[in-house]
Structures are given as structure tokens and as C-alpha cells.
N, C-alpha and C. Protein backbone atom coordinates (compact mmCIF):
# COMPACT_ATOMS: atom_id res chain seq x y z
N PRO A 1 5.32 -8.15 -9.85
CA PRO A 1 5.46 -7.54 -9.18
C PRO A 1 4.71 -5.61 -10.16
N ILE A 2 4.39 -4.63 -8.40
CA ILE A 2 3.28 -4.06 -8.76
C ILE A 2 4.74 -3.05 -8.19
N LYS A 3 4.62 -1.59 -8.58
CA LYS A 3 5.15 -0.30 -7.80
C LYS A 3 4.41 0.62 -6.20
N ILE A 4 4.77 1.01 -6.11
CA ILE A 4 3.91 1.00 -4.68
C ILE A 4 4.48 2.48 -4.59
N TYR A 5 3.78 3.45 -4.67
CA TYR A 5 3.60 5.16 -3.96
C TYR A 5 2.96 5.24 -2.68
N ASP A 6 3.28 6.43 -1.79
CA ASP A 6 2.81 7.37 -1.26
C ASP A 6 2.42 6.19 -0.78
N LEU A 7 2.86 5.36 0.06
CA LEU A 7 2.84 4.45 1.04
C LEU A 7 2.03 5.11 2.98
N SER A 8 1.75 4.30 3.25
CA SER A 8 0.89 4.87 4.76
C SER A 8 0.57 3.46 5.42
N ALA A 9 -0.04 3.83 6.94
CA ALA A 9 -0.50 2.74 7.42
C ALA A 9 -1.78 2.22 6.87
N GLY A 10 -2.13 3.03 6.44
CA GLY A 10 -3.74 2.79 6.00
C GLY A 10 -4.09 2.93 3.94
N GLY A 11 -3.05 3.08 3.69
CA GLY A 11 -3.30 2.58 2.44
C GLY A 11 -1.49 2.89 1.29
N CYS A 12 -2.21 3.14 -0.23
CA CYS A 12 -0.64 3.29 -1.19
C CYS A 12 -1.79 3.59 -2.04
N PHE A 13 -0.78 4.23 -3.49
CA PHE A 13 -0.77 4.06 -4.64
C PHE A 13 -0.20 3.20 -5.32
N ILE A 14 -1.08 2.62 -6.24
CA ILE A 14 -0.66 1.64 -7.14
C ILE A 14 0.03 1.70 -8.60
N ASN A 15 1.28 1.89 -9.07
CA ASN A 15 1.40 2.01 -10.63
C ASN A 15 1.02 1.41 -11.19
N SER A 16 0.27 1.46 -12.07
CA SER A 16 -0.62 0.63 -13.18
C SER A 16 -0.64 0.95 -14.56
N MET A 17 -0.77 0.61 -15.94
CA MET A 17 -1.30 0.91 -16.75
C MET A 17 -2.59 0.87 -17.01
N HIS A 18 -3.43 -0.16 -16.22
CA HIS A 18 -4.68 -0.43 -16.38
C HIS A 18 -5.85 0.17 -15.94
N GLU A 19 -6.88 0.50 -16.17
CA GLU A 19 -7.48 1.34 -15.32
C GLU A 19 -8.68 0.03 -14.28
N GLN A 20 -8.51 0.50 -13.27
CA GLN A 20 -8.96 -0.32 -11.98
C GLN A 20 -10.79 0.28 -11.22
N GLN A 21 -11.74 0.12 -11.61
CA GLN A 21 -12.89 -0.20 -11.02
C GLN A 21 -12.81 0.55 -9.27
N PRO A 22 -13.69 1.55 -8.31
CA PRO A 22 -13.65 1.24 -7.87
C PRO A 22 -14.09 0.00 -6.71
N ASP A 23 -14.23 -0.31 -5.78
CA ASP A 23 -14.03 -1.14 -4.32
C ASP A 23 -13.94 -2.43 -5.14
N VAL A 24 -12.92 -2.34 -6.07
CA VAL A 24 -12.37 -4.04 -5.68
C VAL A 24 -11.87 -4.65 -5.13
N THR A 25 -11.64 -5.22 -4.21
CA THR A 25 -10.70 -6.29 -2.77
C THR A 25 -9.37 -7.13 -3.39
N MET A 26 -9.00 -7.09 -3.20
CA MET A 26 -7.56 -7.37 -3.61
C MET A 26 -6.48 -7.76 -2.38
N ILE A 27 -5.98 -8.89 -2.76
CA ILE A 27 -4.85 -9.41 -1.76
C ILE A 27 -3.32 -8.60 -2.24
N LEU A 28 -2.77 -7.80 -1.48
CA LEU A 28 -1.56 -7.77 -1.81
C LEU A 28 -0.11 -8.14 -1.08
N LYS A 29 0.49 -8.76 -1.54
CA LYS A 29 2.16 -8.73 -1.26
C LYS A 29 3.15 -8.37 -0.98
N LEU A 30 3.45 -7.12 0.10
CA LEU A 30 4.11 -5.63 0.18
C LEU A 30 5.78 -6.12 0.44
N ASP A 31 6.34 -6.03 -0.29
CA ASP A 31 7.86 -6.42 0.32
C ASP A 31 8.02 -4.42 1.24
N LEU A 32 8.27 -4.68 2.52
CA LEU A 32 8.48 -4.00 3.13
C LEU A 32 9.97 -3.63 3.75
N PRO A 33 10.64 -1.93 3.68
CA PRO A 33 12.03 -1.94 3.96
C PRO A 33 12.59 -2.82 5.37
N ASP A 34 13.69 -3.34 5.36
CA ASP A 34 14.53 -3.92 6.51
C ASP A 34 13.44 -4.86 7.33
N GLN A 35 12.15 -5.41 7.26
CA GLN A 35 11.12 -6.36 7.34
C GLN A 35 10.96 -7.48 6.75
N PRO A 36 10.44 -8.20 6.91
CA PRO A 36 9.58 -9.56 5.96
C PRO A 36 8.43 -8.54 5.41
N SER A 37 8.36 -9.58 4.19
CA SER A 37 7.01 -9.29 3.70
C SER A 37 5.49 -9.51 4.05
N ILE A 38 4.53 -8.95 3.85
CA ILE A 38 3.56 -8.52 4.66
C ILE A 38 2.49 -8.93 3.50
N THR A 39 1.29 -9.08 3.66
CA THR A 39 0.25 -9.72 2.99
C THR A 39 -1.33 -9.25 3.76
N VAL A 40 -2.15 -8.09 2.72
CA VAL A 40 -2.69 -7.38 3.29
C VAL A 40 -4.05 -7.24 2.84
N SER A 41 -5.16 -7.24 3.02
CA SER A 41 -5.81 -6.90 1.77
C SER A 41 -6.36 -5.14 1.34
N ALA A 42 -7.15 -5.40 0.24
CA ALA A 42 -6.99 -3.60 0.01
C ALA A 42 -8.18 -3.36 -1.18
N GLN A 43 -8.72 -2.23 -0.96
CA GLN A 43 -9.34 -1.87 -1.42
C GLN A 43 -9.63 -0.84 -2.28
N SER A 44 -9.67 -0.62 -4.00
CA SER A 44 -9.40 0.45 -4.51
C SER A 44 -10.44 1.78 -4.65
N LEU A 45 -9.98 2.68 -4.41
CA LEU A 45 -10.69 3.53 -3.95
C LEU A 45 -11.39 4.58 -5.27
N TYR A 46 -9.98 5.13 -6.25
CA TYR A 46 -10.16 5.56 -7.40
C TYR A 46 -9.41 5.46 -8.78
N SER A 47 -9.00 5.84 -9.66
CA SER A 47 -7.85 6.00 -10.53
C SER A 47 -7.27 6.87 -11.54
N ARG A 48 -6.60 6.76 -11.20
CA ARG A 48 -6.28 8.10 -12.81
C ARG A 48 -5.95 7.12 -14.25
N VAL A 49 -6.22 7.81 -15.07
CA VAL A 49 -5.57 6.93 -16.04
C VAL A 49 -4.43 6.68 -16.26
N GLU A 50 -3.88 5.09 -16.73
CA GLU A 50 -3.11 5.46 -17.86
C GLU A 50 -1.60 5.68 -16.40
N PHE A 51 -2.32 6.00 -15.05
CA PHE A 51 -1.44 6.03 -13.97
C PHE A 51 -0.91 5.28 -13.01
N GLY A 52 -2.28 5.10 -12.85
CA GLY A 52 -2.57 3.98 -11.55
C GLY A 52 -3.50 4.53 -10.60
N PHE A 53 -3.67 3.73 -9.77
CA PHE A 53 -5.34 3.53 -8.48
C PHE A 53 -4.74 3.46 -7.04
N ALA A 54 -5.42 3.95 -6.18
CA ALA A 54 -4.95 4.43 -5.35
C ALA A 54 -5.87 3.61 -4.48
N VAL A 55 -5.04 2.61 -3.62
CA VAL A 55 -6.20 1.49 -2.57
C VAL A 55 -6.12 1.76 -0.92
N MET A 56 -7.34 1.09 -0.45
CA MET A 56 -7.26 1.82 1.20
C MET A 56 -7.04 0.09 1.77
N PHE A 57 -6.09 -0.29 2.52
CA PHE A 57 -5.98 -1.64 3.63
C PHE A 57 -7.18 -1.25 4.28
N VAL A 58 -7.68 -3.17 4.11
CA VAL A 58 -8.76 -3.50 4.90
C VAL A 58 -8.67 -4.75 5.86
N ASN A 59 -9.17 -5.05 6.88
CA ASN A 59 -8.92 -5.35 7.75
C ASN A 59 -7.92 -6.10 8.42
N VAL A 60 -6.92 -5.35 8.73
CA VAL A 60 -5.66 -5.55 9.23
C VAL A 60 -5.64 -6.20 9.91
N ASN A 61 -4.73 -6.71 10.73
CA ASN A 61 -4.70 -7.73 11.82
C ASN A 61 -3.48 -6.23 13.10
N ALA A 62 -3.21 -6.84 13.86
CA ALA A 62 -2.90 -5.52 14.89
C ALA A 62 -1.19 -6.06 14.82
N SER A 63 -0.31 -7.10 14.48
CA SER A 63 1.10 -6.98 13.57
C SER A 63 1.19 -6.98 12.74
N THR A 64 0.11 -6.90 12.19
CA THR A 64 0.23 -5.73 10.64
C THR A 64 0.41 -4.60 10.16
N GLN A 65 -0.33 -3.82 10.96
CA GLN A 65 -0.77 -2.89 11.22
C GLN A 65 0.28 -2.21 12.18
N ALA A 66 1.13 -2.89 12.68
CA ALA A 66 2.91 -3.03 13.74
C ALA A 66 3.67 -2.24 12.77
N LYS A 67 3.30 -3.01 11.50
CA LYS A 67 4.79 -3.31 10.56
C LYS A 67 4.64 -2.32 9.63
N LEU A 68 3.70 -1.94 9.54
CA LEU A 68 3.17 -0.84 8.37
C LEU A 68 3.54 0.31 8.89
N GLU A 69 3.16 1.08 9.94
CA GLU A 69 3.74 1.77 10.69
C GLU A 69 4.96 1.79 11.01
N GLU A 70 5.54 1.07 11.69
CA GLU A 70 6.59 0.92 11.43
C GLU A 70 7.37 1.75 9.85
N ALA A 71 7.24 1.06 9.12
CA ALA A 71 7.57 1.05 7.92
C ALA A 71 7.65 3.03 7.01
N VAL A 72 6.41 3.28 7.50
CA VAL A 72 6.35 4.56 7.34
C VAL A 72 7.31 5.60 7.94
N ARG A 73 6.88 5.12 9.46
CA ARG A 73 8.31 5.90 10.05
C ARG A 73 9.63 5.83 9.86
N ALA A 74 10.11 4.95 9.55
CA ALA A 74 11.37 4.16 8.51
C ALA A 74 11.91 5.65 7.32
N ALA A 75 10.36 5.34 6.80
CA ALA A 75 10.70 5.68 5.02
C ALA A 75 10.62 7.71 5.38
N LEU A 76 9.69 8.19 6.35
CA LEU A 76 9.99 9.62 6.82
C LEU A 76 11.17 9.76 7.48
N ALA A 77 11.68 8.85 8.38
CA ALA A 77 12.93 9.18 9.03
C ALA A 77 14.19 9.25 8.12
N ALA A 78 14.34 8.08 7.02
CA ALA A 78 14.93 8.65 6.20
C ALA A 78 15.11 9.89 5.09
N THR A 79 13.68 9.97 4.81
CA THR A 79 14.00 11.51 3.94
C THR A 79 13.63 13.36 5.39
N GLY A 80 14.31 12.65 6.17
CA GLY A 80 14.02 13.91 7.41
C GLY A 80 12.79 14.24 7.64
N GLN A 81 12.07 13.96 7.26
CA GLN A 81 10.85 14.48 8.01
C GLN A 81 10.46 14.00 9.67
């Protein structure tokens, strides 16, 4: 399991103690609040040593994109933003 932060419709930050090189493609299974899990392809962008790395979601289909956008809207609403 991984912990993600700063989820957006376009990517997220993954908490990780190992360093990740840029431009690595990976498959992520994300558990979204109040929705079924989704699977996305992601590409690493940059890393922060012993903290984690950022990824950009790539080749996301319309249905998955809509679920991501809804999850982000719900998270913002929950925080009052």
C-alpha cells in the first residue's frame, strides 16, 4: 500500500522512502472516498529524497477522469474550500 497526498485530477504526490527516477511509468490502484477503486497509469515527475515523488496521470479514460474529478471536488468540499 502507498499513501498519496495532494490528489488532483491530473496527478498526486506519493509518500515513499525510496527515490524514484523521473519519467518512470507505473500503474496505480487508488481507493477513492465513497467510490470504487480506480486504476490509472502514471508517470513520475520529480522526487524529494526520503519523502516521496510526484506523478502525473497519463492516458486516463473519460470515466476514470470523471471519478477523479468527483473525488477531488468531494475532498475540497469536505475541507470547506
